[in-house]
C-alpha atoms as a PDB file:
ATOM      1  CA  UNK A   1     155.604  68.325 -32.304  1.00  0.00           C
ATOM      2  CA  UNK A   2     156.270  70.383 -29.148  1.00  0.00           C
ATOM      3  CA  UNK A   3     159.578  68.686 -28.282  1.00  0.00           C
ATOM      4  CA  UNK A   4     160.831  69.398 -31.829  1.00  0.00           C
ATOM      5  CA  UNK A   5     159.631  72.995 -31.614  1.00  0.00           C
ATOM      6  CA  UNK A   6     161.242  73.420 -28.195  1.00  0.00           C
ATOM      7  CA  UNK A   7     164.552  72.079 -29.536  1.00  0.00           C
ATOM      8  CA  UNK A   8     164.357  74.309 -32.629  1.00  0.00           C
ATOM      9  CA  UNK A   9     163.686  77.400 -30.522  1.00  0.00           C
ATOM     10  CA  UNK A  10     166.515  76.544 -28.123  1.00  0.00           C
ATOM     11  CA  UNK A  11     168.976  76.141 -31.001  1.00  0.00           C
ATOM     12  CA  UNK A  12     167.907  79.421 -32.612  1.00  0.00           C
ATOM     13  CA  UNK A  13     168.137  81.313 -29.312  1.00  0.00           C
ATOM     14  CA  UNK A  14     171.621  79.969 -28.660  1.00  0.00           C
ATOM     15  CA  UNK A  15     172.724  80.983 -32.157  1.00  0.00           C
ATOM     16  CA  UNK A  16     171.365  84.506 -31.581  1.00  0.00           C
ATOM     17  CA  UNK A  17     173.207  84.739 -28.256  1.00  0.00           C
ATOM     18  CA  UNK A  18     176.424  83.555 -29.902  1.00  0.00           C
ATOM     19  CA  UNK A  19     175.969  86.029 -32.766  1.00  0.00           C
ATOM     20  CA  UNK A  20     175.654  88.923 -30.307  1.00  0.00           C
ATOM     21  CA  UNK A  21     178.597  87.719 -28.220  1.00  0.00           C
ATOM     22  CA  UNK A  22     180.804  87.330 -31.285  1.00  0.00           C
ATOM     23  CA  UNK A  23     179.947  90.808 -32.531  1.00  0.00           C
ATOM     24  CA  UNK A  24     179.942  92.628 -29.175  1.00  0.00           C
ATOM     25  CA  UNK A  25     183.442  94.118 -29.676  1.00  0.00           C
ATOM     26  CA  UNK A  26     182.392  95.478 -33.066  1.00  0.00           C
ATOM     27  CA  UNK A  27     179.120  96.853 -31.681  1.00  0.00           C
ATOM     28  CA  UNK A  28     180.952  98.549 -28.808  1.00  0.00           C
ATOM     29  CA  UNK A  29     183.553 100.062 -31.139  1.00  0.00           C
ATOM     30  CA  UNK A  30     180.948 101.365 -33.564  1.00  0.00           C
ATOM     31  CA  UNK A  31     178.886 102.858 -30.739  1.00  0.00           C
ATOM     32  CA  UNK A  32     181.726 105.227 -29.881  1.00  0.00           C
ATOM     33  CA  UNK A  33     182.701 106.394 -33.342  1.00  0.00           C
ATOM     34  CA  UNK A  34     181.980 106.352 -37.034  1.00  0.00           C
ATOM     35  CA  UNK A  35     182.517 102.852 -38.382  1.00  0.00           C
ATOM     36  CA  UNK A  36     184.836 102.150 -41.292  1.00  0.00           C
ATOM     37  CA  UNK A  37     183.131 100.761 -44.423  1.00  0.00           C
ATOM     38  CA  UNK A  38     184.393  97.265 -43.582  1.00  0.00           C
ATOM     39  CA  UNK A  39     182.785  97.557 -40.142  1.00  0.00           C
ATOM     40  CA  UNK A  40     179.542  98.738 -41.719  1.00  0.00           C
ATOM     41  CA  UNK A  41     179.636  95.680 -43.953  1.00  0.00           C
ATOM     42  CA  UNK A  42     180.203  93.413 -40.940  1.00  0.00           C
ATOM     43  CA  UNK A  43     177.318  95.090 -39.095  1.00  0.00           C
ATOM     44  CA  UNK A  44     175.076  94.530 -42.111  1.00  0.00           C
ATOM     45  CA  UNK A  45     175.904  90.813 -42.095  1.00  0.00           C
ATOM     46  CA  UNK A  46     175.241  90.664 -38.344  1.00  0.00           C
ATOM     47  CA  UNK A  47     171.906  92.440 -38.807  1.00  0.00           C
ATOM     48  CA  UNK A  48     170.880  90.023 -41.529  1.00  0.00           C
ATOM     49  CA  UNK A  49     171.815  87.038 -39.372  1.00  0.00           C
ATOM     50  CA  UNK A  50     169.981  88.448 -36.353  1.00  0.00           C
ATOM     51  CA  UNK A  51     166.876  89.222 -38.401  1.00  0.00           C
ATOM     52  CA  UNK A  52     166.935  85.740 -39.983  1.00  0.00           C
ATOM     53  CA  UNK A  53     167.282  84.131 -36.564  1.00  0.00           C
ATOM     54  CA  UNK A  54     164.314  86.058 -35.198  1.00  0.00           C
ATOM     55  CA  UNK A  55     162.280  85.076 -38.261  1.00  0.00           C
ATOM     56  CA  UNK A  56     163.238  81.432 -37.720  1.00  0.00           C
ATOM     57  CA  UNK A  57     161.681  81.620 -34.259  1.00  0.00           C
ATOM     58  CA  UNK A  58     158.743  83.811 -35.229  1.00  0.00           C
ATOM     59  CA  UNK A  59     157.873  82.935 -38.834  1.00  0.00           C
ATOM     60  CA  UNK A  60     156.534  86.290 -39.926  1.00  0.00           C
ATOM     61  CA  UNK A  61     157.852  89.193 -41.925  1.00  0.00           C
ATOM     62  CA  UNK A  62     159.098  92.016 -39.742  1.00  0.00           C
ATOM     63  CA  UNK A  63     158.600  95.449 -41.226  1.00  0.00           C
ATOM     64  CA  UNK A  64     161.820  96.897 -42.562  1.00  0.00           C
ATOM     65  CA  UNK A  65     161.279 100.169 -40.704  1.00  0.00           C
ATOM     66  CA  UNK A  66     161.512  98.235 -37.419  1.00  0.00           C
ATOM     67  CA  UNK A  67     164.916  96.830 -38.345  1.00  0.00           C
ATOM     68  CA  UNK A  68     166.883  99.767 -36.955  1.00  0.00           C
ATOM     69  CA  UNK A  69     165.212  99.477 -33.563  1.00  0.00           C
ATOM     70  CA  UNK A  70     166.041  95.764 -33.481  1.00  0.00           C
ATOM     71  CA  UNK A  71     169.676  96.444 -34.266  1.00  0.00           C
ATOM     72  CA  UNK A  72     170.072  99.271 -31.794  1.00  0.00           C
ATOM     73  CA  UNK A  73     168.959  97.067 -28.935  1.00  0.00           C
ATOM     74  CA  UNK A  74     169.608  93.458 -29.988  1.00  0.00           C
ATOM     75  CA  UNK A  75     170.271  92.179 -26.439  1.00  0.00           C
ATOM     76  CA  UNK A  76     166.990  93.630 -25.121  1.00  0.00           C
ATOM     77  CA  UNK A  77     165.054  92.229 -28.092  1.00  0.00           C
ATOM     78  CA  UNK A  78     166.586  88.806 -27.487  1.00  0.00           C
ATOM     79  CA  UNK A  79     165.629  88.930 -23.774  1.00  0.00           C
ATOM     80  CA  UNK A  80     162.067  89.987 -24.652  1.00  0.00           C
ATOM     81  CA  UNK A  81     161.685  87.219 -27.242  1.00  0.00           C
ATOM     82  CA  UNK A  82     163.189  84.734 -24.817  1.00  0.00           C
ATOM     83  CA  UNK A  83     160.660  85.648 -22.141  1.00  0.00           C
ATOM     84  CA  UNK A  84     157.774  85.332 -24.563  1.00  0.00           C
ATOM     85  CA  UNK A  85     159.060  82.007 -25.870  1.00  0.00           C
ATOM     86  CA  UNK A  86     159.560  80.642 -22.352  1.00  0.00           C
ATOM     87  CA  UNK A  87     155.991  81.600 -21.427  1.00  0.00           C
ATOM     88  CA  UNK A  88     154.634  80.036 -24.621  1.00  0.00           C
ATOM     89  CA  UNK A  89     156.564  76.791 -24.151  1.00  0.00           C
ATOM     90  CA  UNK A  90     155.554  76.572 -20.493  1.00  0.00           C
ATOM     91  CA  UNK A  91     151.879  77.079 -21.390  1.00  0.00           C
ATOM     92  CA  UNK A  92     152.048  74.385 -24.054  1.00  0.00           C
ATOM     93  CA  UNK A  93     153.751  71.839 -21.769  1.00  0.00           C
ATOM     94  CA  UNK A  94     150.545  71.296 -19.874  1.00  0.00           C
ATOM     95  CA  UNK A  95     148.708  70.588 -23.136  1.00  0.00           C
ATOM     96  CA  UNK A  96     151.075  67.819 -24.299  1.00  0.00           C
END
């Protein structure tokens, strides 16, 4: 089971990284001004994808009120989750 879990987590993390990289120009543009409604729509899709990816790694329901904090600092959240996942996977390697 652990090799499958490790592969699943690696795939999800890579997809989250790619999502943030693909949307970084939009995030930077929206951070400096009021986004157009099309940009807001694109940000909403990105948020949904990011949230879904996090849920795929951690199968629990995040509280909706925490969503804004996740969006405002997606790269930091991804680094934090990555560190926790690395520690978890390392701890479980010795138990295989």
